[in-house]
Each structure stands twice: as C-alpha cells, then as structure tokens.
N, C-alpha and C. Protein backbone atom coordinates (compact mmCIF):
# COMPACT_ATOMS: atom_id res chain seq x y z
N MET A 1 14.91 12.30 61.00
CA MET A 1 14.96 12.82 59.22
C MET A 1 15.89 12.34 58.29
N ALA A 2 17.11 11.22 58.69
CA ALA A 2 17.16 10.39 57.95
C ALA A 2 16.76 9.83 57.48
N ARG A 3 15.21 9.31 58.95
CA ARG A 3 14.21 8.54 58.13
C ARG A 3 13.11 9.11 56.89
N ASN A 4 13.35 10.06 57.47
CA ASN A 4 12.53 11.07 56.07
C ASN A 4 13.26 10.94 54.83
N ARG A 5 14.00 11.16 54.28
CA ARG A 5 15.10 11.40 53.10
C ARG A 5 14.95 9.20 53.00
N LEU A 6 15.52 8.99 53.77
CA LEU A 6 14.95 7.21 52.98
C LEU A 6 13.86 6.82 52.28
N LEU A 7 12.72 7.73 52.93
CA LEU A 7 11.50 7.50 52.62
C LEU A 7 11.08 8.12 51.17
N LEU A 8 11.40 9.38 51.63
CA LEU A 8 12.11 10.38 49.85
C LEU A 8 12.18 9.48 48.75
N CYS A 9 13.70 9.06 49.25
CA CYS A 9 14.36 8.30 48.18
C CYS A 9 13.84 7.44 47.55
N THR A 10 12.80 6.48 48.41
CA THR A 10 12.57 5.23 47.74
C THR A 10 11.06 5.27 48.04
N PHE A 11 10.37 6.44 47.88
CA PHE A 11 9.33 6.96 46.94
C PHE A 11 10.05 7.26 45.59
N LEU A 12 10.84 7.88 45.22
CA LEU A 12 11.61 8.82 44.72
C LEU A 12 11.80 7.51 43.46
N VAL A 13 12.24 6.39 43.73
CA VAL A 13 12.83 5.13 43.15
C VAL A 13 11.40 4.84 42.59
N LEU A 14 10.39 4.61 43.25
CA LEU A 14 9.38 3.82 43.27
C LEU A 14 8.68 4.67 42.28
N LEU A 15 8.27 5.61 42.05
CA LEU A 15 8.01 6.77 41.34
C LEU A 15 8.85 6.36 40.28
N SER A 16 9.93 6.35 40.26
CA SER A 16 10.98 6.53 38.70
C SER A 16 10.51 5.19 38.00
N ILE A 17 10.80 4.09 38.62
CA ILE A 17 9.82 2.65 38.33
C ILE A 17 8.91 2.40 37.69
N ILE A 18 7.85 3.04 38.63
CA ILE A 18 6.34 3.36 37.64
C ILE A 18 6.65 4.29 36.42
N PHE A 19 7.16 4.88 36.38
CA PHE A 19 7.41 6.22 35.75
C PHE A 19 7.85 5.18 34.16
N PHE A 20 9.00 4.59 34.47
CA PHE A 20 9.63 3.92 33.27
C PHE A 20 8.67 2.76 32.43
N ILE A 21 7.88 2.04 34.03
CA ILE A 21 7.07 0.68 33.13
C ILE A 21 6.04 1.64 32.19
N THR A 22 5.08 2.57 32.99
CA THR A 22 4.16 3.11 31.79
C THR A 22 4.56 4.41 30.91
N THR A 23 5.91 4.47 30.34
CA THR A 23 6.42 5.11 29.81
C THR A 23 6.61 3.96 28.52
N SER A 24 7.54 2.29 29.08
CA SER A 24 7.47 1.35 27.78
C SER A 24 6.37 0.99 27.76
N GLU A 25 4.97 1.50 28.47
CA GLU A 25 4.12 0.15 27.52
C GLU A 25 3.39 0.83 27.19
N ALA A 26 3.34 2.18 27.62
CA ALA A 26 2.94 3.41 26.46
C ALA A 26 3.54 3.47 24.64
N ASP A 27 4.89 3.28 25.09
CA ASP A 27 5.09 3.06 23.95
C ASP A 27 5.27 1.88 23.26
N LYS A 28 5.12 0.81 23.69
CA LYS A 28 4.31 -0.51 22.67
C LYS A 28 3.15 -0.10 22.18
N VAL A 29 2.69 1.18 23.06
CA VAL A 29 0.80 1.04 22.73
C VAL A 29 1.15 1.64 21.15
N PHE A 30 2.01 3.36 21.42
CA PHE A 30 2.13 3.66 20.23
C PHE A 30 2.42 3.23 19.21
N ASP A 31 3.51 2.00 19.37
CA ASP A 31 4.12 1.36 18.07
C ASP A 31 3.03 0.70 17.77
N GLU A 32 1.87 -0.06 18.47
CA GLU A 32 1.49 -0.82 18.17
C GLU A 32 0.23 -0.14 16.78
N ILE A 33 -0.34 1.09 17.61
CA ILE A 33 -1.15 1.71 17.07
C ILE A 33 -0.31 2.28 15.05
N LYS A 34 1.03 2.46 15.54
CA LYS A 34 1.52 3.24 14.38
C LYS A 34 1.85 1.55 13.33
N LYS A 35 1.99 0.56 13.99
CA LYS A 35 2.10 -0.43 12.77
C LYS A 35 0.40 -0.45 12.14
N ARG A 36 -0.39 -0.71 12.96
CA ARG A 36 -1.52 -1.21 12.11
C ARG A 36 -1.94 0.58 11.57
N ARG A 37 -1.74 1.60 12.12
CA ARG A 37 -1.63 2.40 10.56
C ARG A 37 -0.88 2.27 9.75
N ASP A 38 -0.05 1.97 9.32
CA ASP A 38 1.23 2.02 8.20
C ASP A 38 0.32 1.08 7.84
N THR A 39 0.24 -0.25 8.24
CA THR A 39 -0.37 -1.78 7.57
C THR A 39 -1.87 -1.04 6.90
N LYS A 40 -2.97 -0.52 7.26
CA LYS A 40 -4.15 0.18 6.54
C LYS A 40 -3.76 0.71 5.85
N LYS A 41 -2.44 2.21 5.58
CA LYS A 41 -1.73 2.36 4.23
C LYS A 41 -1.53 2.14 3.29
N LEU A 42 -0.52 1.01 3.83
CA LEU A 42 0.29 0.03 2.92
C LEU A 42 -1.16 -1.28 1.69
N LYS A 43 -2.21 -1.37 3.03
CA LYS A 43 -3.96 -1.98 2.24
C LYS A 43 -3.67 -0.84 1.32
N LEU A 44 -4.02 0.65 1.88
CA LEU A 44 -4.75 1.55 0.95
C LEU A 44 -3.34 1.73 -0.65
N ASP A 45 -2.57 1.70 0.01
CA ASP A 45 -1.41 1.52 -1.79
C ASP A 45 -1.59 1.07 -2.52
N ALA A 46 -1.41 -0.35 -2.01
CA ALA A 46 -1.66 -1.67 -3.10
C ALA A 46 -2.80 -1.62 -3.47
N MET A 47 -4.42 -0.69 -2.81
CA MET A 47 -5.57 -0.69 -3.29
C MET A 47 -4.93 0.32 -4.66
N ASP A 48 -4.85 1.32 -4.31
CA ASP A 48 -4.36 2.34 -5.26
C ASP A 48 -3.80 1.98 -6.76
N ASN A 49 -2.31 0.85 -6.28
CA ASN A 49 -1.41 0.57 -7.07
C ASN A 49 -2.26 -0.35 -8.31
N ILE A 50 -3.61 -1.00 -8.00
CA ILE A 50 -4.11 -2.19 -8.57
C ILE A 50 -5.47 -1.04 -9.30
N LYS A 51 -5.59 -0.02 -8.46
CA LYS A 51 -6.73 0.58 -9.22
C LYS A 51 -6.14 1.08 -10.70
N SER A 52 -4.95 1.63 -10.63
CA SER A 52 -3.64 2.48 -11.38
C SER A 52 -3.31 1.48 -12.37
N ARG A 53 -3.64 0.43 -12.13
CA ARG A 53 -2.97 -0.42 -12.95
C ARG A 53 -4.29 -1.62 -13.90
N ILE A 54 -5.65 -0.87 -13.00
CA ILE A 54 -6.66 -1.69 -14.30
C ILE A 54 -7.05 -0.15 -14.94
N ASP A 55 -6.81 1.29 -14.34
CA ASP A 55 -6.97 2.11 -15.39
C ASP A 55 -5.90 2.29 -16.51
N ASN A 56 -5.22 1.36 -16.38
CA ASN A 56 -3.66 2.23 -17.61
C ASN A 56 -3.92 0.05 -18.52
N ILE A 57 -4.67 -0.45 -18.16
CA ILE A 57 -5.55 -1.11 -18.77
C ILE A 57 -6.12 -1.07 -19.98
N LEU A 58 -7.71 -0.10 -18.96
CA LEU A 58 -8.74 0.06 -19.64
C LEU A 58 -8.42 1.18 -20.91
N SER A 59 -7.45 2.18 -20.41
CA SER A 59 -6.93 3.10 -21.84
C SER A 59 -6.45 2.29 -22.53
N CYS A 60 -5.53 1.80 -22.77
CA CYS A 60 -4.74 0.42 -23.36
C CYS A 60 -5.73 0.24 -24.13
N PHE A 61 -6.53 -0.58 -23.44
CA PHE A 61 -7.64 -1.40 -24.41
C PHE A 61 -8.51 -0.77 -25.36
N LYS A 62 -9.04 0.94 -24.81
CA LYS A 62 -9.76 1.60 -25.62
C LYS A 62 -8.43 2.29 -26.35
N LEU A 63 -7.30 2.96 -26.47
CA LEU A 63 -6.95 3.12 -27.58
C LEU A 63 -7.14 2.14 -28.37
N PHE A 64 -6.52 0.91 -28.34
CA PHE A 64 -6.01 -0.13 -29.12
C PHE A 64 -7.73 -0.43 -30.04
N GLU A 65 -9.01 -0.22 -29.58
CA GLU A 65 -9.95 -0.54 -29.32
C GLU A 65 -10.57 0.39 -30.67
N HIS A 66 -10.54 2.19 -30.34
CA HIS A 66 -10.86 2.89 -31.59
C HIS A 66 -9.59 2.89 -32.07
N TYR A 67 -8.34 1.73 -32.57
CA TYR A 67 -7.76 2.33 -34.18
C TYR A 67 -8.25 1.25 -34.62
N ARG A 68 -8.29 0.24 -33.66
CA ARG A 68 -9.04 -1.08 -34.63
C ARG A 68 -10.28 -0.69 -35.48
N ASN A 69 -11.21 -0.17 -34.87
CA ASN A 69 -12.61 0.39 -35.25
C ASN A 69 -11.72 1.12 -36.96
N ARG A 70 -11.06 1.63 -36.93
CA ARG A 70 -10.87 2.41 -37.73
C ARG A 70 -10.16 1.81 -39.26
N TYR A 71 -9.90 0.24 -38.63
CA TYR A 71 -9.12 -0.47 -39.25
C TYR A 71 -10.44 -1.03 -40.59
N LYS A 72 -10.29 -1.55 -42.12
CA LYS A 72 -10.73 -2.43 -42.63
C LYS A 72 -9.94 -3.55 -42.51
N PHE A 73 -10.89 -4.51 -42.27
CA PHE A 73 -9.81 -5.96 -42.59
C PHE A 73 -10.52 -6.65 -43.51
N ASP A 74 -9.00 -7.27 -44.81
CA ASP A 74 -9.67 -8.09 -45.91
C ASP A 74 -10.06 -9.76 -45.30
N SER A 75 -9.26 -10.26 -44.97
CA SER A 75 -10.07 -11.30 -44.33
C SER A 75 -9.97 -11.64 -42.36
N LEU A 76 -10.43 -12.44 -42.63
CA LEU A 76 -10.82 -13.04 -40.14
C LEU A 76 -9.41 -13.04 -40.35
N ARG A 77 -8.24 -13.72 -41.04
CA ARG A 77 -6.80 -14.13 -40.18
C ARG A 77 -6.38 -12.28 -39.76
N ASP A 78 -6.07 -11.28 -40.94
CA ASP A 78 -6.51 -10.23 -40.63
C ASP A 78 -6.76 -10.15 -38.89
N GLU A 79 -7.98 -10.05 -38.95
CA GLU A 79 -8.71 -9.48 -38.07
C GLU A 79 -7.81 -10.14 -36.98
N VAL A 80 -8.22 -11.42 -36.52
CA VAL A 80 -7.49 -12.39 -35.24
C VAL A 80 -5.88 -12.10 -35.41
N GLU A 81 -5.22 -11.52 -35.94
CA GLU A 81 -4.03 -11.55 -36.11
C GLU A 81 -4.13 -9.96 -35.23
N LEU A 82 -4.39 -9.10 -35.67
CA LEU A 82 -4.82 -7.68 -35.19
C LEU A 82 -4.99 -7.77 -33.67
N ASP A 83 -5.90 -9.00 -33.71
CA ASP A 83 -6.71 -8.95 -32.11
C ASP A 83 -5.68 -9.51 -30.75
N MET A 84 -4.98 -10.40 -31.69
CA MET A 84 -3.69 -11.02 -30.49
C MET A 84 -2.53 -10.31 -30.24
N CYS A 85 -2.08 -9.13 -31.28
CA CYS A 85 -1.33 -8.12 -31.15
C CYS A 85 -1.56 -7.75 -30.66
N GLY A 86 -3.30 -7.10 -30.41
CA GLY A 86 -3.79 -6.12 -29.30
C GLY A 86 -3.35 -6.13 -28.37
N ALA A 87 -4.30 -7.81 -27.36
CA ALA A 87 -3.65 -8.44 -26.41
C ALA A 87 -2.53 -8.57 -25.84
N VAL A 88 -1.75 -8.48 -26.66
CA VAL A 88 -0.02 -8.94 -26.35
C VAL A 88 0.49 -7.45 -25.86
N TRP A 89 0.13 -6.18 -26.93
CA TRP A 89 0.30 -4.90 -26.49
C TRP A 89 -0.40 -4.88 -25.19
N ILE A 90 -1.75 -4.89 -24.92
CA ILE A 90 -2.26 -4.78 -23.66
C ILE A 90 -1.81 -5.41 -22.22
N ILE A 91 -1.62 -6.66 -22.90
CA ILE A 91 -0.40 -7.23 -21.22
C ILE A 91 1.22 -6.42 -21.22
N LEU A 92 1.29 -5.92 -22.58
CA LEU A 92 2.58 -5.78 -21.68
C LEU A 92 2.47 -4.38 -21.38
N CYS A 93 1.62 -3.33 -21.27
CA CYS A 93 1.48 -2.24 -21.36
C CYS A 93 0.85 -2.18 -19.34
N ALA A 94 0.59 -3.49 -19.21
CA ALA A 94 -0.09 -3.23 -17.99
C ALA A 94 1.30 -4.01 -17.29
N ARG A 95 2.43 -4.69 -17.76
CA ARG A 95 3.26 -5.17 -16.40
C ARG A 95 4.11 -4.36 -16.96
N LEU A 96 3.97 -2.96 -17.56
CA LEU A 96 5.18 -2.23 -17.47
C LEU A 96 5.01 -1.26 -16.30
N ASP A 97 4.15 -1.11 -16.13
CA ASP A 97 3.48 -0.04 -15.51
C ASP A 97 3.65 -0.25 -13.95
C-alpha cells in the first residue's frame, strides 16, 4: 500500500512538473502571438496615421488652390509670394496634425 502511495505521489509530482512546463511554454507561445498581433496592429496604426496626414495635406492644398484660383494677381511677384505663403501654411497644417 505504501508503495502504491509512493508511485501515486511520484506520478502526481511528475504530472505537475509536466503541466507547469507545458503551461509556461504555452504562455510563451501566446505571448509571442500577442506580440506579433500587436506589432501588426502598430504597423496598421502607423499606416493609418500616415494616410490621415496625407489626406490632411491634400485637403489643405485643395483649399489653398481654391482660394488661389479666385485671386487675380497684379504681378508674378504677388503670385510667388502667395504660393510661398501657401506652401508654409500647408506644411504647418501637416505638422500640426
């Protein structure tokens, strides 16, 4: 009877060790999967951020172009000054996003 208890205790200890090893390995695998998923999500978030910045720049450019086309220039200098101011404005809009 004592021998059976000893075998049972040994079996339970070995089973517990195997359980802890497999669960720690499973945790490592799940952590790796989570990291990969988070990395993929970060990449998608970065791409969405870049896309929104480009959309913002394009909308600023379209708005500037709309007002620029309505303005009648007296000289080429006025046109260049307005274009430079517009370029600075578009860059500032992109940086503030």
